[in-house]
Amino acid sequence: MPSGWTKKDERQYDHVEESAKDRGRSEERAKEIAARTVNKQRREEGRTPNQTTSGKGNPHTSLEDRTVDELHNIASEMKIEGRSTMRKKELIEAIRDKR
């Protein structure tokens, strides 16, 4: 387990990993899902130096279900102008128009 994780984080990791395995995920994918879940929780609680993720979210998730930060990261990668002032709905429209 990464340093800085509490016992509660470790228990959550184990629970999420087992749950992912029960749903048919591979060992490697289950560990990734568990780590991402715990780290997201830690970020939301302010227990990490970075309060936002640099990720773009699950590619199988609809744009509406992603966070604004994830949409900003996608828009940044696509070099969409004016993205920093866009609201979530505007980001989704711009991303769809650019695809």
N, C-alpha and C. Protein backbone atom coordinates (compact mmCIF):
# COMPACT_ATOMS: atom_id res chain seq x y z
N MET A 1 0.84 -1.17 0.00
CA MET A 1 0.00 0.00 0.00
C MET A 1 0.89 1.25 0.00
N PRO A 2 0.45 2.29 -0.69
CA PRO A 2 1.23 3.52 -0.71
C PRO A 2 1.36 4.14 0.68
N SER A 3 2.46 4.84 0.89
CA SER A 3 2.63 5.50 2.19
C SER A 3 1.62 6.63 2.29
N GLY A 4 1.21 6.95 3.47
CA GLY A 4 0.23 8.01 3.67
C GLY A 4 -1.20 7.51 3.74
N TRP A 5 -1.40 6.24 3.40
CA TRP A 5 -2.74 5.68 3.49
C TRP A 5 -3.01 5.27 4.93
N THR A 6 -4.23 5.51 5.38
CA THR A 6 -4.64 5.09 6.71
C THR A 6 -5.11 3.64 6.66
N LYS A 7 -5.35 3.08 7.83
CA LYS A 7 -5.91 1.72 7.89
C LYS A 7 -7.26 1.66 7.19
N LYS A 8 -8.03 2.74 7.33
CA LYS A 8 -9.33 2.80 6.68
C LYS A 8 -9.16 2.78 5.15
N ASP A 9 -8.18 3.53 4.64
CA ASP A 9 -7.91 3.52 3.19
C ASP A 9 -7.55 2.11 2.74
N GLU A 10 -6.74 1.42 3.51
CA GLU A 10 -6.34 0.06 3.15
C GLU A 10 -7.53 -0.89 3.14
N ARG A 11 -8.42 -0.74 4.13
CA ARG A 11 -9.63 -1.58 4.16
C ARG A 11 -10.52 -1.29 2.96
N GLN A 12 -10.66 -0.01 2.62
CA GLN A 12 -11.47 0.36 1.46
C GLN A 12 -10.85 -0.23 0.19
N TYR A 13 -9.53 -0.15 0.06
CA TYR A 13 -8.82 -0.71 -1.09
C TYR A 13 -9.12 -2.20 -1.21
N ASP A 14 -8.96 -2.93 -0.11
CA ASP A 14 -9.20 -4.38 -0.12
C ASP A 14 -10.64 -4.70 -0.53
N HIS A 15 -11.58 -3.93 0.01
CA HIS A 15 -13.00 -4.16 -0.29
C HIS A 15 -13.29 -3.91 -1.77
N VAL A 16 -12.80 -2.79 -2.30
CA VAL A 16 -13.05 -2.45 -3.71
C VAL A 16 -12.36 -3.46 -4.63
N GLU A 17 -11.15 -3.87 -4.26
CA GLU A 17 -10.42 -4.86 -5.08
C GLU A 17 -11.18 -6.18 -5.14
N GLU A 18 -11.64 -6.66 -4.00
CA GLU A 18 -12.39 -7.92 -3.98
C GLU A 18 -13.69 -7.80 -4.77
N SER A 19 -14.35 -6.65 -4.63
CA SER A 19 -15.59 -6.43 -5.35
C SER A 19 -15.35 -6.45 -6.87
N ALA A 20 -14.28 -5.82 -7.30
CA ALA A 20 -13.95 -5.80 -8.73
C ALA A 20 -13.64 -7.20 -9.23
N LYS A 21 -12.92 -7.98 -8.44
CA LYS A 21 -12.61 -9.36 -8.82
C LYS A 21 -13.89 -10.18 -8.92
N ASP A 22 -14.81 -9.96 -7.98
CA ASP A 22 -16.09 -10.69 -8.00
C ASP A 22 -16.89 -10.38 -9.25
N ARG A 23 -16.69 -9.18 -9.81
CA ARG A 23 -17.39 -8.78 -11.03
C ARG A 23 -16.65 -9.22 -12.29
N GLY A 24 -15.57 -9.99 -12.10
CA GLY A 24 -14.89 -10.57 -13.25
C GLY A 24 -13.70 -9.78 -13.77
N ARG A 25 -13.25 -8.77 -13.05
CA ARG A 25 -12.07 -8.00 -13.48
C ARG A 25 -10.81 -8.80 -13.21
N SER A 26 -9.78 -8.56 -13.99
CA SER A 26 -8.50 -9.23 -13.78
C SER A 26 -7.87 -8.69 -12.50
N GLU A 27 -6.88 -9.42 -11.99
CA GLU A 27 -6.17 -9.00 -10.78
C GLU A 27 -5.59 -7.59 -10.94
N GLU A 28 -4.94 -7.37 -12.07
CA GLU A 28 -4.29 -6.07 -12.32
C GLU A 28 -5.32 -4.94 -12.40
N ARG A 29 -6.40 -5.19 -13.13
CA ARG A 29 -7.44 -4.17 -13.29
C ARG A 29 -8.15 -3.90 -11.96
N ALA A 30 -8.37 -4.94 -11.17
CA ALA A 30 -9.01 -4.78 -9.86
C ALA A 30 -8.16 -3.90 -8.95
N LYS A 31 -6.85 -4.10 -8.98
CA LYS A 31 -5.95 -3.28 -8.17
C LYS A 31 -5.98 -1.83 -8.63
N GLU A 32 -6.02 -1.61 -9.93
CA GLU A 32 -6.07 -0.25 -10.46
C GLU A 32 -7.36 0.46 -10.04
N ILE A 33 -8.47 -0.24 -10.17
CA ILE A 33 -9.76 0.33 -9.78
C ILE A 33 -9.75 0.69 -8.30
N ALA A 34 -9.24 -0.21 -7.48
CA ALA A 34 -9.21 0.02 -6.03
C ALA A 34 -8.33 1.23 -5.69
N ALA A 35 -7.16 1.31 -6.28
CA ALA A 35 -6.25 2.42 -5.99
C ALA A 35 -6.85 3.75 -6.44
N ARG A 36 -7.45 3.76 -7.62
CA ARG A 36 -8.06 5.00 -8.10
C ARG A 36 -9.21 5.44 -7.20
N THR A 37 -9.99 4.47 -6.74
CA THR A 37 -11.11 4.78 -5.86
C THR A 37 -10.63 5.40 -4.56
N VAL A 38 -9.64 4.78 -3.93
CA VAL A 38 -9.11 5.29 -2.66
C VAL A 38 -8.48 6.66 -2.86
N ASN A 39 -7.69 6.82 -3.91
CA ASN A 39 -7.03 8.10 -4.14
C ASN A 39 -8.02 9.21 -4.44
N LYS A 40 -9.10 8.89 -5.15
CA LYS A 40 -10.14 9.89 -5.40
C LYS A 40 -10.77 10.34 -4.09
N GLN A 41 -11.06 9.38 -3.23
CA GLN A 41 -11.64 9.68 -1.92
C GLN A 41 -10.70 10.56 -1.10
N ARG A 42 -9.41 10.25 -1.12
CA ARG A 42 -8.42 11.03 -0.38
C ARG A 42 -8.34 12.46 -0.92
N ARG A 43 -8.40 12.60 -2.27
CA ARG A 43 -8.38 13.94 -2.87
C ARG A 43 -9.60 14.75 -2.44
N GLU A 44 -10.78 14.12 -2.49
CA GLU A 44 -12.01 14.81 -2.13
C GLU A 44 -12.02 15.24 -0.66
N GLU A 45 -11.33 14.49 0.18
CA GLU A 45 -11.26 14.82 1.60
C GLU A 45 -10.11 15.77 1.91
N GLY A 46 -9.33 16.15 0.88
CA GLY A 46 -8.24 17.09 1.09
C GLY A 46 -7.01 16.49 1.74
N ARG A 47 -6.84 15.19 1.61
CA ARG A 47 -5.71 14.52 2.25
C ARG A 47 -4.54 14.26 1.29
N THR A 48 -4.55 14.92 0.13
CA THR A 48 -3.46 14.79 -0.82
C THR A 48 -2.98 16.18 -1.22
N PRO A 49 -1.73 16.29 -1.69
CA PRO A 49 -1.24 17.62 -2.10
C PRO A 49 -1.99 18.17 -3.31
N ASN A 50 -2.39 17.32 -4.24
CA ASN A 50 -3.13 17.75 -5.43
C ASN A 50 -4.62 17.55 -5.18
N GLN A 51 -5.38 18.61 -5.31
CA GLN A 51 -6.81 18.51 -5.06
C GLN A 51 -7.60 18.10 -6.30
N THR A 52 -6.93 18.08 -7.45
CA THR A 52 -7.61 17.65 -8.67
C THR A 52 -6.80 16.56 -9.33
N THR A 53 -7.45 15.81 -10.16
CA THR A 53 -6.79 14.75 -10.90
C THR A 53 -6.37 15.27 -12.27
N SER A 54 -5.36 14.69 -12.82
CA SER A 54 -4.97 15.06 -14.18
C SER A 54 -5.57 14.10 -15.19
N GLY A 55 -6.44 13.22 -14.72
CA GLY A 55 -7.06 12.22 -15.57
C GLY A 55 -8.22 12.74 -16.37
N LYS A 56 -8.70 11.90 -17.27
CA LYS A 56 -9.83 12.26 -18.13
C LYS A 56 -11.04 11.39 -17.85
N GLY A 57 -10.96 10.55 -16.84
CA GLY A 57 -12.09 9.70 -16.48
C GLY A 57 -12.14 8.43 -17.31
N ASN A 58 -13.05 7.59 -16.97
CA ASN A 58 -13.26 6.33 -17.66
C ASN A 58 -13.77 6.60 -19.06
N PRO A 59 -13.08 6.11 -20.09
CA PRO A 59 -13.53 6.37 -21.45
C PRO A 59 -14.89 5.76 -21.79
N HIS A 60 -15.36 4.84 -20.98
CA HIS A 60 -16.66 4.22 -21.22
C HIS A 60 -17.79 4.97 -20.51
N THR A 61 -17.44 6.04 -19.78
CA THR A 61 -18.43 6.83 -19.07
C THR A 61 -18.88 7.98 -19.96
N SER A 62 -20.16 8.29 -19.92
CA SER A 62 -20.65 9.40 -20.75
C SER A 62 -20.05 10.71 -20.26
N LEU A 63 -20.00 11.68 -21.15
CA LEU A 63 -19.44 12.98 -20.78
C LEU A 63 -20.23 13.61 -19.64
N GLU A 64 -21.53 13.41 -19.62
CA GLU A 64 -22.37 13.99 -18.56
C GLU A 64 -22.02 13.43 -17.18
N ASP A 65 -21.51 12.22 -17.12
CA ASP A 65 -21.19 11.59 -15.84
C ASP A 65 -19.77 11.89 -15.36
N ARG A 66 -18.99 12.62 -16.16
CA ARG A 66 -17.63 12.96 -15.77
C ARG A 66 -17.61 14.28 -15.01
N THR A 67 -16.53 14.50 -14.26
CA THR A 67 -16.41 15.74 -13.50
C THR A 67 -15.99 16.87 -14.43
N VAL A 68 -16.18 18.10 -13.97
CA VAL A 68 -15.76 19.26 -14.75
C VAL A 68 -14.25 19.23 -14.95
N ASP A 69 -13.50 18.81 -13.94
CA ASP A 69 -12.04 18.70 -14.07
C ASP A 69 -11.66 17.72 -15.17
N GLU A 70 -12.34 16.59 -15.22
CA GLU A 70 -12.06 15.61 -16.27
C GLU A 70 -12.38 16.18 -17.65
N LEU A 71 -13.50 16.91 -17.74
CA LEU A 71 -13.87 17.53 -19.01
C LEU A 71 -12.85 18.60 -19.42
N HIS A 72 -12.37 19.37 -18.44
CA HIS A 72 -11.34 20.37 -18.73
C HIS A 72 -10.08 19.70 -19.27
N ASN A 73 -9.71 18.57 -18.70
CA ASN A 73 -8.53 17.85 -19.17
C ASN A 73 -8.71 17.34 -20.60
N ILE A 74 -9.90 16.86 -20.91
CA ILE A 74 -10.19 16.41 -22.27
C ILE A 74 -10.13 17.60 -23.23
N ALA A 75 -10.77 18.71 -22.84
CA ALA A 75 -10.79 19.91 -23.68
C ALA A 75 -9.38 20.46 -23.88
N SER A 76 -8.57 20.38 -22.86
CA SER A 76 -7.18 20.84 -22.96
C SER A 76 -6.42 20.01 -23.98
N GLU A 77 -6.58 18.70 -23.89
CA GLU A 77 -5.91 17.81 -24.83
C GLU A 77 -6.37 18.06 -26.26
N MET A 78 -7.64 18.45 -26.42
CA MET A 78 -8.19 18.73 -27.74
C MET A 78 -7.91 20.17 -28.19
N LYS A 79 -7.27 20.95 -27.31
CA LYS A 79 -6.94 22.35 -27.59
C LYS A 79 -8.18 23.19 -27.93
N ILE A 80 -9.22 23.04 -27.13
CA ILE A 80 -10.45 23.80 -27.31
C ILE A 80 -10.25 25.19 -26.69
N GLU A 81 -10.45 26.21 -27.50
CA GLU A 81 -10.28 27.59 -27.05
C GLU A 81 -11.39 27.99 -26.08
N GLY A 82 -11.05 28.76 -25.07
CA GLY A 82 -12.03 29.28 -24.12
C GLY A 82 -12.51 28.29 -23.08
N ARG A 83 -11.87 27.15 -23.00
CA ARG A 83 -12.33 26.10 -22.09
C ARG A 83 -12.30 26.50 -20.62
N SER A 84 -11.39 27.40 -20.25
CA SER A 84 -11.24 27.75 -18.83
C SER A 84 -12.45 28.51 -18.29
N THR A 85 -13.22 29.13 -19.16
CA THR A 85 -14.40 29.88 -18.70
C THR A 85 -15.71 29.14 -18.96
N MET A 86 -15.62 27.95 -19.54
CA MET A 86 -16.83 27.20 -19.88
C MET A 86 -17.40 26.46 -18.69
N ARG A 87 -18.72 26.37 -18.69
CA ARG A 87 -19.42 25.55 -17.70
C ARG A 87 -19.47 24.12 -18.23
N LYS A 88 -19.94 23.21 -17.40
CA LYS A 88 -19.94 21.80 -17.76
C LYS A 88 -20.69 21.54 -19.07
N LYS A 89 -21.87 22.09 -19.19
CA LYS A 89 -22.68 21.87 -20.39
C LYS A 89 -21.96 22.39 -21.64
N GLU A 90 -21.31 23.54 -21.51
CA GLU A 90 -20.57 24.12 -22.63
C GLU A 90 -19.36 23.26 -23.00
N LEU A 91 -18.69 22.73 -22.00
CA LEU A 91 -17.54 21.85 -22.25
C LEU A 91 -17.99 20.61 -23.03
N ILE A 92 -19.10 20.01 -22.60
CA ILE A 92 -19.61 18.81 -23.26
C ILE A 92 -19.93 19.12 -24.73
N GLU A 93 -20.59 20.24 -24.99
CA GLU A 93 -20.94 20.62 -26.35
C GLU A 93 -19.69 20.85 -27.19
N ALA A 94 -18.70 21.55 -26.62
CA ALA A 94 -17.46 21.84 -27.36
C ALA A 94 -16.70 20.57 -27.68
N ILE A 95 -16.66 19.64 -26.73
CA ILE A 95 -15.96 18.37 -26.95
C ILE A 95 -16.66 17.57 -28.05
N ARG A 96 -17.98 17.53 -27.99
CA ARG A 96 -18.74 16.78 -29.02
C ARG A 96 -18.58 17.42 -30.39
N ASP A 97 -18.55 18.75 -30.44
CA ASP A 97 -18.39 19.44 -31.73
C ASP A 97 -17.01 19.18 -32.33
N LYS A 98 -16.02 19.04 -31.47
CA LYS A 98 -14.63 18.88 -31.92
C LYS A 98 -14.34 17.44 -32.37
N ARG A 99 -15.10 16.47 -31.88
CA ARG A 99 -14.85 15.06 -32.20
C ARG A 99 -15.16 14.73 -33.60
